[in-house]
């Protein structure tokens, strides 16, 4: 007679909807939860046996930046009034949310949180950079940065007489 094996995957002790096969694609929403598998084996004329194996907590997925983000719109020396833009890098998973924070001389520019930034007079003589944060539920956040360069200081026209 045939042996029957049933598999049931569990997250925090509760059954996973698609978890009735020997393989489980762990969803990102499982991060931080306890993963177990319950196996039941039965055969006519024998006692049915069930074992639950605790596999541990599911670790968060990893966001991977495959090609760096970079700042475009400026030569090697950005100038006041010039618009800088963050050119997207290549990363996985592609549906990660992006957030931006621009820095002037190492200090955050509180109201500069977009993919673009217009160089201001107070930036002159300071290095501009941007940090890009990538986030997705079930994944560890990732931070990456790009440097725009030192902003040119305006030349003063001094009248000669």
Protein backbone atom coordinates (compact mmCIF):
# COMPACT_ATOMS: atom_id res chain seq x y z
CA UNK A 1 0.00 0.00 0.00
CA UNK A 2 1.08 3.55 -0.72
CA UNK A 3 2.53 5.86 1.85
CA UNK A 4 1.01 9.32 2.08
CA UNK A 5 3.11 12.37 3.03
CA UNK A 6 1.57 15.75 3.81
CA UNK A 7 3.66 18.90 4.20
CA UNK A 8 2.48 22.11 5.83
CA UNK A 9 4.63 25.26 6.14
CA UNK A 10 3.99 27.52 9.12
CA UNK A 11 4.83 31.13 9.95
CA UNK A 12 4.57 31.91 13.66
CA UNK A 13 2.66 28.65 14.04
CA UNK A 14 -0.01 29.48 11.45
CA UNK A 15 -0.33 27.77 8.07
CA UNK A 16 1.01 29.47 4.95
CA UNK A 17 -1.63 29.67 2.20
CA UNK A 18 0.55 28.21 -0.59
CA UNK A 19 2.59 26.05 1.76
CA UNK A 20 1.47 22.48 1.05
CA UNK A 21 4.40 21.27 -1.05
CA UNK A 22 7.96 20.30 -0.20
CA UNK A 23 9.15 23.68 -1.52
CA UNK A 24 8.21 27.12 -0.28
CA UNK A 25 8.97 30.48 -1.85
CA UNK A 26 9.28 32.60 1.28
CA UNK A 27 7.45 35.91 0.81
CA UNK A 28 9.15 39.18 1.86
CA UNK A 29 6.36 39.69 4.40
CA UNK A 30 7.75 36.71 6.36
CA UNK A 31 10.85 38.64 7.49
CA UNK A 32 11.30 38.39 11.27
CA UNK A 33 8.69 35.65 11.67
CA UNK A 34 9.34 32.07 12.84
CA UNK A 35 9.32 29.51 10.02
CA UNK A 36 8.46 25.84 10.63
CA UNK A 37 7.50 22.84 8.53
CA UNK A 38 5.08 20.13 9.67
CA UNK A 39 5.34 16.74 7.96
CA UNK A 40 2.71 14.03 8.43
CA UNK A 41 3.33 10.50 7.12
CA UNK A 42 0.60 7.87 7.04
CA UNK A 43 0.18 4.36 5.69
CA UNK A 44 -2.62 1.88 6.06
CA UNK A 45 -1.97 -0.44 8.97
CA UNK A 46 0.57 1.87 10.61
CA UNK A 47 0.41 4.66 13.12
CA UNK A 48 0.30 8.13 11.54
CA UNK A 49 3.28 10.24 12.56
CA UNK A 50 3.62 14.04 12.54
CA UNK A 51 6.78 16.02 13.16
CA UNK A 52 7.21 19.77 13.22
CA UNK A 53 10.68 21.16 12.59
CA UNK A 54 11.40 24.72 13.69
CA UNK A 55 13.70 26.35 11.14
CA UNK A 56 14.17 29.72 12.88
CA UNK A 57 13.39 33.33 12.09
CA UNK A 58 13.24 34.45 8.47
CA UNK A 59 15.94 37.01 7.75
CA UNK A 60 15.13 40.17 5.80
CA UNK A 61 15.93 40.13 2.10
CA UNK A 62 18.82 42.18 0.77
CA UNK A 63 18.51 45.11 -1.61
CA UNK A 64 21.42 44.96 -4.03
CA UNK A 65 22.73 48.00 -5.93
CA UNK A 66 24.28 46.67 -9.12
CA UNK A 67 25.12 50.01 -10.75
CA UNK A 68 25.77 53.12 -8.68
CA UNK A 69 23.52 56.15 -8.66
CA UNK A 70 25.23 59.30 -9.96
CA UNK A 71 24.63 63.01 -10.11
CA UNK A 72 24.12 64.51 -13.56
CA UNK A 73 23.64 68.07 -14.77
CA UNK A 74 26.94 69.36 -13.53
CA UNK A 75 30.42 69.24 -14.85
CA UNK A 76 33.20 68.65 -12.38
CA UNK A 77 32.25 71.98 -10.75
CA UNK A 78 28.53 72.66 -10.20
CA UNK A 79 27.48 76.31 -10.41
CA UNK A 80 24.86 78.33 -8.56
CA UNK A 81 21.47 78.08 -10.32
CA UNK A 82 22.33 74.80 -12.03
CA UNK A 83 19.91 71.89 -11.59
CA UNK A 84 21.45 68.63 -10.44
CA UNK A 85 19.64 65.33 -10.94
CA UNK A 86 20.22 61.86 -9.52
CA UNK A 87 20.57 59.39 -12.37
CA UNK A 88 19.10 56.08 -11.24
CA UNK A 89 21.39 53.19 -10.64
CA UNK A 90 20.47 49.57 -11.21
CA UNK A 91 19.16 47.73 -8.18
CA UNK A 92 17.14 44.73 -7.16
CA UNK A 93 14.33 44.36 -6.31
CA UNK A 94 13.18 46.94 -8.87
CA UNK A 95 10.10 47.91 -6.87
CA UNK A 96 12.11 49.26 -3.94
CA UNK A 97 11.03 52.77 -2.85
CA UNK A 98 13.63 55.52 -3.23
CA UNK A 99 14.25 58.45 -0.91
CA UNK A 100 16.82 61.24 -1.29
CA UNK A 101 18.67 63.60 1.04
CA UNK A 102 21.15 66.17 -0.26
CA UNK A 103 24.17 67.29 1.77
CA UNK A 104 26.22 70.49 1.75
CA UNK A 105 29.73 70.07 3.13
CA UNK A 106 28.67 66.96 5.04
CA UNK A 107 25.57 68.56 6.62
CA UNK A 108 22.06 67.60 5.50
CA UNK A 109 20.05 70.19 3.57
CA UNK A 110 16.75 69.75 5.39
CA UNK A 111 14.45 70.88 2.56
CA UNK A 112 16.31 68.99 -0.20
CA UNK A 113 14.71 65.56 -0.39
CA UNK A 114 14.05 64.99 -4.08
CA UNK A 115 15.82 63.46 -7.05
CA UNK A 116 16.68 66.98 -8.26
CA UNK A 117 18.36 69.92 -6.55
CA UNK A 118 18.98 73.49 -7.74
CA UNK A 119 22.36 74.76 -6.55
CA UNK A 120 21.94 77.72 -4.17
CA UNK A 121 24.25 80.66 -3.38
CA UNK A 122 24.93 79.23 0.10
CA UNK A 123 26.34 76.09 -1.55
CA UNK A 124 29.30 78.01 -3.06
CA UNK A 125 32.62 76.56 -1.95
CA UNK A 126 31.00 73.45 -0.44
CA UNK A 127 30.92 69.87 -1.69
CA UNK A 128 27.41 68.68 -2.58
CA UNK A 129 26.42 65.05 -2.27
CA UNK A 130 23.23 63.03 -2.15
CA UNK A 131 22.35 59.89 -0.22
CA UNK A 132 19.79 57.60 -1.80
CA UNK A 133 17.84 55.30 0.49
CA UNK A 134 16.20 52.18 -0.91
CA UNK A 135 13.45 50.41 1.02
CA UNK A 136 11.00 47.57 0.52
CA UNK A 137 8.86 45.67 2.97
CA UNK A 138 10.60 42.50 4.12
CA UNK A 139 14.03 43.78 3.04
CA UNK A 140 16.81 45.50 4.96
CA UNK A 141 17.09 49.17 3.94
CA UNK A 142 20.07 50.13 1.78
CA UNK A 143 21.85 53.49 1.62
CA UNK A 144 24.08 54.55 -1.24
CA UNK A 145 25.53 57.92 -2.19
CA UNK A 146 26.76 60.06 -5.03
CA UNK A 147 28.92 63.20 -5.03
CA UNK A 148 28.18 66.22 -7.22
CA UNK A 149 31.45 68.04 -6.50
CA UNK A 150 32.48 71.35 -4.99
CA UNK A 151 30.31 74.30 -6.05
CA UNK A 152 32.17 77.08 -7.80
CA UNK A 153 32.51 80.35 -5.94
CA UNK A 154 31.39 83.33 -7.96
CA UNK A 155 34.11 85.61 -9.22
CA UNK A 156 33.76 89.18 -7.98
CA UNK A 157 33.88 91.93 -10.54
CA UNK A 158 36.01 94.60 -8.95
CA UNK A 159 35.92 97.87 -10.88
CA UNK A 160 39.32 99.25 -11.73
CA UNK A 161 39.72 102.95 -11.96
